[in-house]
Every structure is written in C-alpha cells, then in structure tokens.
C-alpha cells in the first residue's frame, strides 16, 4: 500500500536500496558464519559450529530468494527467522548473552527494511518476546550442547555486533543520500 506523499518511482528506489542493503548484509553474514563455523569445527566447539552452520543455511536460503526476485518474502524471512534462531540457539548452547549481542544488528537492519511502522513494531515485539523466552531458557533450561564461557568469544561477538551495526548505519545513510540526490536531480530536470 502506498504511503501518503510518496510517488511510485521514489518508493521503488527506496525498496531497491533496502534490498541492496539486505543483500550486502547476507553476503557478509554468510562469509562470517562460514569462517566462524569452520574455526569452531577445528577447535571442537560443537555448539558454536551448530549455531554458525544453521545461520549459513538460513542466509543461503534468503540469498536464493533474492536471486529469484522474491524480495518481499526475503524481508519477512530475514526479520521473522532470527527470533526463532535466537531462541533455538539459546536453548541448544545455553549462551543467551552471546546470541543477544548478535541480535542488535539484526534488529537495526529490520528497522530499515520496512516502510510500515506497524510492520516494524510487530517485528520489534517478536524480537523482544524471543529475547524474553531466550532469557528464561538460559535461566531455567538445560542446554544439550553448552557453550564454554570464553571471554575471547564474547569479545569477538561484541566486536562483530558493533562493527555490523556501524556498517549498516553507514550503508543505509549512503543509500538514502543517493536516493535523495537522485530525487533532487529528477525534480530539477522536470
């Protein structure tokens, strides 16, 4: 549904910027997940390996959907699968804080993907519910493959989460500046 005050070319350009942003994110996340999962496999860390390779499967499926042109499905799959992944990973590894730190860039990117405030709020509520459920599982559940408490892993997670956050914000700002410049050029031309 069109939003008031916007015309279709601007909407299409903004949608293309959003898809480009998620495409870049997914490729970056895929490379990171493969490298981290391979390293965890070599270090005999089954929980971390499991988390990474489930992420690889999800990211690969979403990249396939982008290639097929199913952009709407990709946005909803991206925003909807991560809360389930968060809860499942917390249950399997017993590591709520590691998974919760990595959720920050996903929440930020989700805010950029959807024009509708209603859709954005629904996904924010889904993330909050997943975090609450993950915290309950962490506090009261028994993890089948507990992740060892390793300060290096937590430091890496913080570094990656903050780095991805800054990257997304910069990419989004660049895309919006480009869209604004194109709009001004078009207005001057016509």
N, C-alpha and C. Protein backbone atom coordinates (compact mmCIF):
# COMPACT_ATOMS: atom_id res chain seq x y z
N UNK A 1 0.85 -1.19 0.00
CA UNK A 1 0.00 0.00 0.00
C UNK A 1 0.89 1.23 0.00
N UNK A 2 0.54 2.21 -0.84
CA UNK A 2 1.34 3.42 -0.94
C UNK A 2 1.18 4.27 0.30
N UNK A 3 2.27 4.91 0.69
CA UNK A 3 2.22 5.83 1.81
C UNK A 3 1.91 7.21 1.25
N UNK A 4 1.16 8.05 2.01
CA UNK A 4 0.81 9.38 1.53
C UNK A 4 2.06 10.20 1.25
N UNK A 5 1.99 10.99 0.18
CA UNK A 5 3.08 11.91 -0.13
C UNK A 5 4.24 11.27 -0.87
N UNK A 6 4.16 10.01 -1.20
CA UNK A 6 5.24 9.37 -1.93
C UNK A 6 4.73 8.90 -3.29
N UNK A 7 5.57 9.03 -4.30
CA UNK A 7 5.18 8.51 -5.60
C UNK A 7 5.91 7.21 -5.86
N UNK A 8 5.45 6.48 -6.84
CA UNK A 8 5.97 5.14 -7.08
C UNK A 8 7.46 5.09 -7.43
N UNK A 9 8.02 6.00 -8.25
CA UNK A 9 9.46 5.91 -8.52
C UNK A 9 10.31 6.04 -7.25
N UNK A 10 9.92 6.91 -6.34
CA UNK A 10 10.67 7.08 -5.09
C UNK A 10 10.55 5.82 -4.26
N UNK A 11 9.34 5.25 -4.20
CA UNK A 11 9.14 4.01 -3.44
C UNK A 11 9.99 2.89 -4.03
N UNK A 12 10.01 2.79 -5.35
CA UNK A 12 10.79 1.72 -5.99
C UNK A 12 12.28 1.90 -5.70
N UNK A 13 12.75 3.14 -5.75
CA UNK A 13 14.15 3.40 -5.47
C UNK A 13 14.50 3.08 -4.02
N UNK A 14 13.63 3.44 -3.10
CA UNK A 14 13.86 3.12 -1.69
C UNK A 14 13.85 1.61 -1.46
N UNK A 15 12.92 0.91 -2.14
CA UNK A 15 12.85 -0.55 -2.00
C UNK A 15 14.13 -1.20 -2.54
N UNK A 16 14.63 -0.70 -3.66
CA UNK A 16 15.88 -1.23 -4.20
C UNK A 16 17.04 -0.98 -3.25
N UNK A 17 17.05 0.18 -2.59
CA UNK A 17 18.10 0.47 -1.61
C UNK A 17 18.00 -0.50 -0.43
N UNK A 18 16.79 -0.81 0.00
CA UNK A 18 16.61 -1.76 1.10
C UNK A 18 17.08 -3.16 0.71
N UNK A 19 16.74 -3.58 -0.50
CA UNK A 19 17.15 -4.91 -0.96
C UNK A 19 18.67 -4.97 -1.12
N UNK A 20 19.27 -3.91 -1.61
CA UNK A 20 20.74 -3.87 -1.75
C UNK A 20 21.38 -3.99 -0.36
N UNK A 21 20.82 -3.32 0.61
CA UNK A 21 21.34 -3.36 1.97
C UNK A 21 21.27 -4.77 2.55
N UNK A 22 20.12 -5.43 2.41
CA UNK A 22 20.00 -6.78 2.95
C UNK A 22 20.88 -7.76 2.18
N UNK A 23 21.04 -7.54 0.88
CA UNK A 23 21.90 -8.40 0.07
C UNK A 23 23.35 -8.31 0.55
N UNK A 24 23.83 -7.10 0.77
CA UNK A 24 25.19 -6.92 1.29
C UNK A 24 25.34 -7.55 2.67
N UNK A 25 24.34 -7.35 3.51
CA UNK A 25 24.39 -7.92 4.85
C UNK A 25 24.46 -9.44 4.79
N UNK A 26 23.60 -10.05 3.97
CA UNK A 26 23.56 -11.50 3.90
C UNK A 26 24.88 -12.09 3.41
N UNK A 27 25.50 -11.45 2.41
CA UNK A 27 26.79 -11.96 1.95
C UNK A 27 27.85 -11.83 3.03
N UNK A 28 27.86 -10.70 3.72
CA UNK A 28 28.81 -10.52 4.82
C UNK A 28 28.58 -11.53 5.94
N UNK A 29 27.31 -11.72 6.30
CA UNK A 29 26.97 -12.66 7.36
C UNK A 29 27.30 -14.09 6.95
N UNK A 30 27.09 -14.42 5.68
CA UNK A 30 27.39 -15.77 5.19
C UNK A 30 28.88 -16.07 5.28
N UNK A 31 29.70 -15.12 4.83
CA UNK A 31 31.16 -15.31 4.90
C UNK A 31 31.60 -15.43 6.36
N UNK A 32 31.07 -14.55 7.21
CA UNK A 32 31.43 -14.60 8.63
C UNK A 32 31.01 -15.93 9.26
N UNK A 33 29.79 -16.39 8.95
CA UNK A 33 29.30 -17.64 9.53
C UNK A 33 30.12 -18.84 9.08
N UNK A 34 30.49 -18.87 7.80
CA UNK A 34 31.30 -19.99 7.29
C UNK A 34 32.67 -20.00 7.96
N UNK A 35 33.31 -18.84 8.04
CA UNK A 35 34.64 -18.78 8.65
C UNK A 35 34.58 -19.13 10.13
N UNK A 36 33.62 -18.56 10.85
CA UNK A 36 33.50 -18.83 12.28
C UNK A 36 33.12 -20.30 12.53
N UNK A 37 32.19 -20.82 11.74
CA UNK A 37 31.79 -22.22 11.89
C UNK A 37 32.94 -23.18 11.60
N UNK A 38 33.74 -22.86 10.59
CA UNK A 38 34.89 -23.71 10.26
C UNK A 38 35.92 -23.67 11.40
N UNK A 39 36.17 -22.48 11.92
CA UNK A 39 37.11 -22.37 13.04
C UNK A 39 36.59 -23.11 14.27
N UNK A 40 35.30 -22.98 14.55
CA UNK A 40 34.72 -23.69 15.70
C UNK A 40 34.79 -25.20 15.50
N UNK A 41 34.62 -25.65 14.27
CA UNK A 41 34.73 -27.08 13.98
C UNK A 41 36.16 -27.58 14.24
N UNK A 42 37.14 -26.79 13.80
CA UNK A 42 38.54 -27.15 14.03
C UNK A 42 38.90 -27.14 15.52
N UNK A 43 38.27 -26.24 16.27
CA UNK A 43 38.55 -26.14 17.71
C UNK A 43 37.67 -27.07 18.54
N UNK A 44 36.86 -27.89 17.86
CA UNK A 44 35.97 -28.85 18.53
C UNK A 44 34.99 -28.16 19.48
N UNK A 45 34.30 -27.16 18.94
CA UNK A 45 33.25 -26.45 19.69
C UNK A 45 31.92 -26.73 19.00
N UNK A 46 31.25 -27.85 19.31
CA UNK A 46 30.05 -28.25 18.56
C UNK A 46 28.91 -27.24 18.64
N UNK A 47 28.73 -26.59 19.78
CA UNK A 47 27.62 -25.64 19.92
C UNK A 47 27.81 -24.45 18.99
N UNK A 48 29.02 -23.89 18.97
CA UNK A 48 29.30 -22.74 18.11
C UNK A 48 29.24 -23.14 16.64
N UNK A 49 29.73 -24.35 16.33
CA UNK A 49 29.65 -24.85 14.96
C UNK A 49 28.20 -24.96 14.52
N UNK A 50 27.35 -25.51 15.40
CA UNK A 50 25.93 -25.67 15.09
C UNK A 50 25.28 -24.31 14.84
N UNK A 51 25.55 -23.34 15.71
CA UNK A 51 24.96 -22.00 15.54
C UNK A 51 25.36 -21.40 14.21
N UNK A 52 26.63 -21.51 13.86
CA UNK A 52 27.13 -20.89 12.63
C UNK A 52 26.54 -21.55 11.39
N UNK A 53 26.47 -22.87 11.38
CA UNK A 53 26.01 -23.54 10.16
C UNK A 53 24.50 -23.51 10.00
N UNK A 54 23.76 -23.36 11.08
CA UNK A 54 22.32 -23.07 10.94
C UNK A 54 22.16 -21.68 10.32
N UNK A 55 22.98 -20.73 10.77
CA UNK A 55 22.99 -19.39 10.17
C UNK A 55 23.32 -19.43 8.68
N UNK A 56 24.29 -20.26 8.30
CA UNK A 56 24.66 -20.40 6.88
C UNK A 56 23.47 -20.91 6.07
N UNK A 57 22.74 -21.88 6.61
CA UNK A 57 21.58 -22.42 5.89
C UNK A 57 20.51 -21.34 5.70
N UNK A 58 20.24 -20.58 6.74
CA UNK A 58 19.22 -19.52 6.64
C UNK A 58 19.67 -18.44 5.67
N UNK A 59 20.91 -17.99 5.78
CA UNK A 59 21.41 -16.93 4.91
C UNK A 59 21.45 -17.39 3.45
N UNK A 60 21.83 -18.63 3.21
CA UNK A 60 21.85 -19.16 1.83
C UNK A 60 20.45 -19.19 1.24
N UNK A 61 19.47 -19.62 2.03
CA UNK A 61 18.08 -19.65 1.55
C UNK A 61 17.59 -18.24 1.22
N UNK A 62 17.93 -17.28 2.05
CA UNK A 62 17.50 -15.90 1.79
C UNK A 62 18.18 -15.33 0.56
N UNK A 63 19.46 -15.63 0.35
CA UNK A 63 20.15 -15.18 -0.86
C UNK A 63 19.53 -15.82 -2.10
N UNK A 64 19.10 -17.07 -1.99
CA UNK A 64 18.42 -17.73 -3.10
C UNK A 64 17.10 -17.02 -3.42
N UNK A 65 16.35 -16.65 -2.39
CA UNK A 65 15.09 -15.93 -2.61
C UNK A 65 15.34 -14.58 -3.28
N UNK A 66 16.42 -13.89 -2.90
CA UNK A 66 16.75 -12.61 -3.55
C UNK A 66 17.04 -12.85 -5.02
N UNK A 67 17.82 -13.89 -5.31
CA UNK A 67 18.17 -14.21 -6.70
C UNK A 67 16.92 -14.51 -7.53
N UNK A 68 15.92 -15.13 -6.90
CA UNK A 68 14.68 -15.46 -7.59
C UNK A 68 13.71 -14.27 -7.69
N UNK A 69 14.05 -13.16 -7.03
CA UNK A 69 13.21 -11.96 -7.10
C UNK A 69 12.09 -11.91 -6.08
N UNK A 70 12.14 -12.74 -5.07
CA UNK A 70 11.10 -12.75 -4.04
C UNK A 70 11.49 -11.81 -2.89
N UNK A 71 11.53 -10.51 -3.20
CA UNK A 71 12.06 -9.54 -2.24
C UNK A 71 11.20 -9.42 -0.99
N UNK A 72 9.91 -9.42 -1.17
CA UNK A 72 9.03 -9.30 0.00
C UNK A 72 9.21 -10.50 0.94
N UNK A 73 9.29 -11.68 0.35
CA UNK A 73 9.49 -12.89 1.15
C UNK A 73 10.84 -12.84 1.88
N UNK A 74 11.86 -12.30 1.21
CA UNK A 74 13.18 -12.21 1.83
C UNK A 74 13.14 -11.32 3.06
N UNK A 75 12.50 -10.15 2.92
CA UNK A 75 12.44 -9.23 4.06
C UNK A 75 11.74 -9.87 5.25
N UNK A 76 10.62 -10.53 5.00
CA UNK A 76 9.87 -11.14 6.10
C UNK A 76 10.60 -12.38 6.65
N UNK A 77 11.25 -13.13 5.77
CA UNK A 77 12.02 -14.29 6.24
C UNK A 77 13.19 -13.83 7.11
N UNK A 78 13.87 -12.79 6.66
CA UNK A 78 15.00 -12.25 7.41
C UNK A 78 14.56 -11.78 8.79
N UNK A 79 13.50 -11.00 8.82
CA UNK A 79 13.04 -10.43 10.09
C UNK A 79 12.36 -11.48 10.98
N UNK A 80 11.73 -12.48 10.38
CA UNK A 80 10.97 -13.45 11.17
C UNK A 80 11.77 -14.65 11.64
N UNK A 81 12.80 -15.03 10.88
CA UNK A 81 13.56 -16.23 11.25
C UNK A 81 14.54 -15.98 12.39
N UNK A 82 15.05 -14.75 12.50
CA UNK A 82 16.05 -14.54 13.52
C UNK A 82 15.52 -14.70 14.94
N UNK A 83 14.30 -14.23 15.28
CA UNK A 83 13.82 -14.51 16.64
C UNK A 83 13.76 -16.00 16.96
N UNK A 84 13.33 -16.82 15.98
CA UNK A 84 13.29 -18.27 16.19
C UNK A 84 14.72 -18.82 16.35
N UNK A 85 15.64 -18.34 15.55
CA UNK A 85 17.04 -18.75 15.64
C UNK A 85 17.62 -18.37 17.00
N UNK A 86 17.26 -17.19 17.48
CA UNK A 86 17.75 -16.72 18.78
C UNK A 86 17.32 -17.66 19.90
N UNK A 87 16.03 -18.01 19.91
CA UNK A 87 15.51 -18.89 20.97
C UNK A 87 16.13 -20.28 20.85
N UNK A 88 16.19 -20.83 19.65
CA UNK A 88 16.74 -22.16 19.45
C UNK A 88 18.23 -22.22 19.82
N UNK A 89 18.98 -21.21 19.41
CA UNK A 89 20.41 -21.18 19.73
C UNK A 89 20.65 -21.05 21.23
N UNK A 90 19.84 -20.24 21.89
CA UNK A 90 19.97 -20.10 23.34
C UNK A 90 19.67 -21.42 24.03
N UNK A 91 18.64 -22.12 23.57
CA UNK A 91 18.28 -23.40 24.18
C UNK A 91 19.40 -24.44 23.97
N UNK A 92 19.92 -24.52 22.74
CA UNK A 92 20.92 -25.54 22.42
C UNK A 92 22.26 -25.25 23.10
N UNK A 93 22.69 -23.97 23.11
CA UNK A 93 24.03 -23.64 23.60
C UNK A 93 24.04 -23.14 25.04
N UNK A 94 22.89 -22.71 25.54
CA UNK A 94 22.86 -22.14 26.88
C UNK A 94 23.59 -20.82 26.97
N UNK A 95 23.78 -20.14 25.84
CA UNK A 95 24.55 -18.89 25.80
C UNK A 95 23.65 -17.75 25.36
N UNK A 96 22.88 -17.22 26.28
CA UNK A 96 21.96 -16.14 25.96
C UNK A 96 22.71 -14.86 25.59
N UNK A 97 23.74 -14.50 26.33
CA UNK A 97 24.38 -13.20 26.13
C UNK A 97 25.07 -13.11 24.78
N UNK A 98 25.69 -14.17 24.35
CA UNK A 98 26.35 -14.18 23.04
C UNK A 98 25.33 -13.97 21.92
N UNK A 99 24.24 -14.71 21.98
CA UNK A 99 23.21 -14.62 20.93
C UNK A 99 22.52 -13.26 21.00
N UNK A 100 22.26 -12.76 22.20
CA UNK A 100 21.58 -11.47 22.35
C UNK A 100 22.43 -10.33 21.80
N UNK A 101 23.75 -10.40 21.97
CA UNK A 101 24.62 -9.35 21.42
C UNK A 101 24.56 -9.34 19.90
N UNK A 102 24.52 -10.54 19.32
CA UNK A 102 24.47 -10.61 17.86
C UNK A 102 23.10 -10.22 17.30
N UNK A 103 22.09 -10.13 18.18
CA UNK A 103 20.76 -9.72 17.73
C UNK A 103 20.69 -8.24 17.40
N UNK A 104 21.55 -7.43 18.00
CA UNK A 104 21.49 -5.98 17.82
C UNK A 104 21.51 -5.55 16.35
N UNK A 105 22.48 -6.01 15.53
CA UNK A 105 22.45 -5.58 14.13
C UNK A 105 21.22 -6.09 13.37
N UNK A 106 20.70 -7.26 13.75
CA UNK A 106 19.52 -7.77 13.07
C UNK A 106 18.31 -6.86 13.35
N UNK A 107 18.17 -6.43 14.58
CA UNK A 107 17.07 -5.54 14.93
C UNK A 107 17.21 -4.22 14.17
N UNK A 108 18.42 -3.68 14.11
CA UNK A 108 18.65 -2.43 13.40
C UNK A 108 18.32 -2.56 11.92
N UNK A 109 18.80 -3.62 11.30
CA UNK A 109 18.52 -3.81 9.88
C UNK A 109 17.04 -4.01 9.63
N UNK A 110 16.35 -4.71 10.53
CA UNK A 110 14.91 -4.90 10.39
C UNK A 110 14.18 -3.56 10.37
N UNK A 111 14.64 -2.61 11.18
CA UNK A 111 14.02 -1.28 11.21
C UNK A 111 14.14 -0.58 9.86
N UNK A 112 15.22 -0.86 9.10
CA UNK A 112 15.42 -0.21 7.81
C UNK A 112 14.67 -0.90 6.68
N UNK A 113 14.28 -2.15 6.87
CA UNK A 113 13.72 -2.92 5.77
C UNK A 113 12.27 -2.56 5.44
N UNK A 114 11.51 -2.13 6.44
CA UNK A 114 10.08 -1.97 6.24
C UNK A 114 9.67 -0.51 6.35
N UNK A 115 8.84 -0.05 5.40
CA UNK A 115 8.32 1.31 5.44
C UNK A 115 7.21 1.44 6.47
N UNK A 116 6.44 0.40 6.64
CA UNK A 116 5.29 0.45 7.53
C UNK A 116 5.72 0.39 9.00
N UNK A 117 5.31 1.41 9.76
CA UNK A 117 5.63 1.43 11.19
C UNK A 117 4.97 0.24 11.91
N UNK A 118 3.80 -0.14 11.47
CA UNK A 118 3.08 -1.27 12.06
C UNK A 118 3.90 -2.56 11.92
N UNK A 119 4.44 -2.80 10.73
CA UNK A 119 5.26 -3.99 10.49
C UNK A 119 6.52 -3.96 11.34
N UNK A 120 7.17 -2.78 11.37
CA UNK A 120 8.39 -2.66 12.18
C UNK A 120 8.11 -2.96 13.64
N UNK A 121 7.02 -2.43 14.19
CA UNK A 121 6.70 -2.66 15.60
C UNK A 121 6.37 -4.13 15.87
N UNK A 122 5.71 -4.77 14.94
CA UNK A 122 5.42 -6.20 15.12
C UNK A 122 6.71 -7.01 15.22
N UNK A 123 7.68 -6.69 14.37
CA UNK A 123 8.94 -7.42 14.44
C UNK A 123 9.75 -7.07 15.69
N UNK A 124 9.68 -5.82 16.11
CA UNK A 124 10.35 -5.45 17.36
C UNK A 124 9.76 -6.25 18.52
N UNK A 125 8.44 -6.37 18.54
CA UNK A 125 7.80 -7.17 19.59
C UNK A 125 8.20 -8.64 19.49
N UNK A 126 8.35 -9.16 18.28
CA UNK A 126 8.80 -10.55 18.10
C UNK A 126 10.21 -10.72 18.65
N UNK A 127 11.10 -9.75 18.38
CA UNK A 127 12.46 -9.81 18.91
C UNK A 127 12.45 -9.75 20.44
N UNK A 128 11.63 -8.86 20.99
CA UNK A 128 11.56 -8.74 22.45
C UNK A 128 11.04 -10.03 23.09
N UNK A 129 10.02 -10.62 22.49
CA UNK A 129 9.48 -11.88 23.01
C UNK A 129 10.54 -12.99 22.92
N UNK A 130 11.29 -13.03 21.80
CA UNK A 130 12.34 -14.03 21.65
C UNK A 130 13.44 -13.83 22.69
N UNK A 131 13.81 -12.58 22.94
CA UNK A 131 14.82 -12.31 23.96
C UNK A 131 14.33 -12.73 25.34
N UNK A 132 13.06 -12.45 25.66
CA UNK A 132 12.50 -12.85 26.96
C UNK A 132 12.47 -14.37 27.09
N UNK A 133 12.03 -15.05 26.04
CA UNK A 133 12.00 -16.52 26.08
C UNK A 133 13.41 -17.09 26.17
N UNK A 134 14.35 -16.49 25.42
CA UNK A 134 15.74 -16.92 25.49
C UNK A 134 16.32 -16.75 26.89
N UNK A 135 15.97 -15.65 27.54
CA UNK A 135 16.45 -15.41 28.90
C UNK A 135 15.88 -16.45 29.87
N UNK A 136 14.61 -16.80 29.69
CA UNK A 136 14.01 -17.84 30.53
C UNK A 136 14.69 -19.20 30.31
N UNK A 137 14.95 -19.53 29.05
CA UNK A 137 15.65 -20.78 28.75
C UNK A 137 17.06 -20.79 29.33
N UNK A 138 17.71 -19.64 29.26
CA UNK A 138 19.06 -19.51 29.81
C UNK A 138 19.04 -19.70 31.34
N UNK A 139 18.04 -19.10 31.98
CA UNK A 139 17.98 -19.15 33.45
C UNK A 139 17.52 -20.51 33.98
N UNK A 140 16.56 -21.13 33.27
CA UNK A 140 15.94 -22.34 33.83
C UNK A 140 16.13 -23.60 33.00
N UNK A 141 16.67 -23.47 31.80
CA UNK A 141 16.79 -24.64 30.92
C UNK A 141 18.14 -25.33 31.05
N UNK A 142 18.20 -26.53 30.52
CA UNK A 142 19.43 -27.32 30.49
C UNK A 142 19.85 -27.46 29.03
N UNK A 143 20.98 -26.83 28.66
CA UNK A 143 21.44 -26.84 27.27
C UNK A 143 22.04 -28.19 26.91
N UNK A 144 21.62 -28.78 25.78
CA UNK A 144 22.20 -30.06 25.36
C UNK A 144 23.69 -29.95 24.97
N UNK A 145 24.09 -28.82 24.38
CA UNK A 145 25.47 -28.60 23.97
C UNK A 145 25.95 -27.26 24.51
N UNK A 146 26.21 -27.18 25.79
CA UNK A 146 26.57 -25.88 26.37
C UNK A 146 27.86 -25.31 25.77
N UNK A 147 27.83 -24.02 25.53
CA UNK A 147 28.99 -23.31 25.01
C UNK A 147 29.86 -22.90 26.19
N UNK A 148 31.13 -23.22 26.11
CA UNK A 148 32.03 -22.88 27.21
C UNK A 148 32.12 -21.36 27.35
N UNK A 149 32.21 -20.91 28.59
CA UNK A 149 32.38 -19.49 28.85
C UNK A 149 33.79 -19.10 28.42
N UNK A 150 33.89 -18.39 27.33
CA UNK A 150 35.19 -17.99 26.80
C UNK A 150 35.17 -16.49 26.54
N UNK A 151 35.95 -15.71 27.29
CA UNK A 151 35.94 -14.26 27.10
C UNK A 151 36.30 -13.85 25.67
N UNK A 152 37.14 -14.63 25.00
CA UNK A 152 37.53 -14.29 23.63
C UNK A 152 36.32 -14.37 22.69
N UNK A 153 35.46 -15.36 22.89
CA UNK A 153 34.27 -15.49 22.04
C UNK A 153 33.32 -14.33 22.27
N UNK A 154 33.14 -13.95 23.54
CA UNK A 154 32.25 -12.81 23.84
C UNK A 154 32.83 -11.51 23.29
N UNK A 155 34.14 -11.33 23.40
CA UNK A 155 34.76 -10.12 22.85
C UNK A 155 34.59 -10.07 21.34
N UNK A 156 34.74 -11.23 20.67
CA UNK A 156 34.54 -11.30 19.23
C UNK A 156 33.10 -10.97 18.87
N UNK A 157 32.15 -11.48 19.65
CA UNK A 157 30.73 -11.22 19.39
C UNK A 157 30.42 -9.73 19.51
N UNK A 158 30.95 -9.08 20.55
CA UNK A 158 30.72 -7.64 20.72
C UNK A 158 31.33 -6.88 19.55
N UNK A 159 32.55 -7.24 19.17
CA UNK A 159 33.23 -6.58 18.06
C UNK A 159 32.43 -6.73 16.76
N UNK A 160 31.99 -7.94 16.48
CA UNK A 160 31.22 -8.20 15.25
C UNK A 160 29.88 -7.46 15.29
N UNK A 161 29.18 -7.53 16.42
CA UNK A 161 27.87 -6.88 16.53
C UNK A 161 28.00 -5.37 16.33
N UNK A 162 28.96 -4.75 16.98
CA UNK A 162 29.12 -3.30 16.85
C UNK A 162 29.61 -2.93 15.45
N UNK A 163 30.52 -3.74 14.91
CA UNK A 163 31.01 -3.48 13.55
C UNK A 163 29.89 -3.57 12.52
N UNK A 164 29.03 -4.59 12.66
CA UNK A 164 27.91 -4.74 11.73
C UNK A 164 26.93 -3.59 11.90
N UNK A 165 26.72 -3.16 13.14
CA UNK A 165 25.81 -2.05 13.40
C UNK A 165 26.28 -0.78 12.69
N UNK A 166 27.55 -0.46 12.85
CA UNK A 166 28.12 0.73 12.21
C UNK A 166 28.07 0.59 10.70
N UNK A 167 28.39 -0.59 10.18
CA UNK A 167 28.35 -0.82 8.74
C UNK A 167 26.95 -0.60 8.18
N UNK A 168 25.92 -1.16 8.84
CA UNK A 168 24.55 -1.00 8.35
C UNK A 168 24.12 0.46 8.36
N UNK A 169 24.44 1.15 9.44
CA UNK A 169 24.05 2.55 9.53
C UNK A 169 24.71 3.35 8.42
N UNK A 170 26.00 3.10 8.16
CA UNK A 170 26.68 3.81 7.09
C UNK A 170 26.11 3.47 5.72
N UNK A 171 25.86 2.18 5.47
CA UNK A 171 25.28 1.79 4.19
C UNK A 171 23.91 2.42 3.99
N UNK A 172 23.10 2.41 5.04
CA UNK A 172 21.77 2.97 4.94
C UNK A 172 21.82 4.48 4.68
N UNK A 173 22.68 5.18 5.40
CA UNK A 173 22.83 6.62 5.20
C UNK A 173 23.29 6.91 3.78
N UNK A 174 24.26 6.15 3.28
CA UNK A 174 24.74 6.34 1.90
C UNK A 174 23.63 6.12 0.89
N UNK A 175 22.84 5.05 1.09
CA UNK A 175 21.75 4.75 0.15
C UNK A 175 20.69 5.86 0.18
N UNK A 176 20.36 6.35 1.36
CA UNK A 176 19.35 7.40 1.46
C UNK A 176 19.85 8.72 0.87
N UNK A 177 21.14 9.01 1.04
CA UNK A 177 21.71 10.22 0.42
C UNK A 177 21.67 10.10 -1.10
N UNK A 178 22.00 8.93 -1.61
CA UNK A 178 21.96 8.71 -3.05
C UNK A 178 20.53 8.86 -3.57
N UNK A 179 19.56 8.28 -2.86
CA UNK A 179 18.16 8.39 -3.27
C UNK A 179 17.70 9.84 -3.24
N UNK A 180 18.12 10.58 -2.22
CA UNK A 180 17.75 12.00 -2.11
C UNK A 180 18.36 12.80 -3.26
N UNK A 181 19.63 12.52 -3.57
CA UNK A 181 20.30 13.20 -4.67
C UNK A 181 19.60 12.93 -6.00
N UNK A 182 19.21 11.67 -6.23
CA UNK A 182 18.50 11.30 -7.45
C UNK A 182 17.14 12.00 -7.53
N UNK A 183 16.47 12.10 -6.40
CA UNK A 183 15.17 12.77 -6.37
C UNK A 183 15.32 14.25 -6.70
N UNK A 184 16.30 14.91 -6.10
CA UNK A 184 16.54 16.32 -6.40
C UNK A 184 16.90 16.53 -7.86
N UNK A 185 17.75 15.64 -8.40
CA UNK A 185 18.13 15.74 -9.82
C UNK A 185 16.89 15.59 -10.72
N UNK A 186 16.01 14.65 -10.36
CA UNK A 186 14.80 14.42 -11.12
C UNK A 186 13.87 15.63 -11.03
N UNK A 187 13.74 16.22 -9.85
CA UNK A 187 12.88 17.39 -9.68
C UNK A 187 13.41 18.58 -10.49
N UNK A 188 14.74 18.76 -10.49
CA UNK A 188 15.31 19.86 -11.30
C UNK A 188 15.08 19.63 -12.79
N UNK A 189 15.19 18.38 -13.22
CA UNK A 189 15.04 18.05 -14.64
C UNK A 189 13.63 18.31 -15.13
N UNK A 190 12.63 17.95 -14.30
CA UNK A 190 11.24 18.07 -14.75
C UNK A 190 10.56 19.31 -14.20
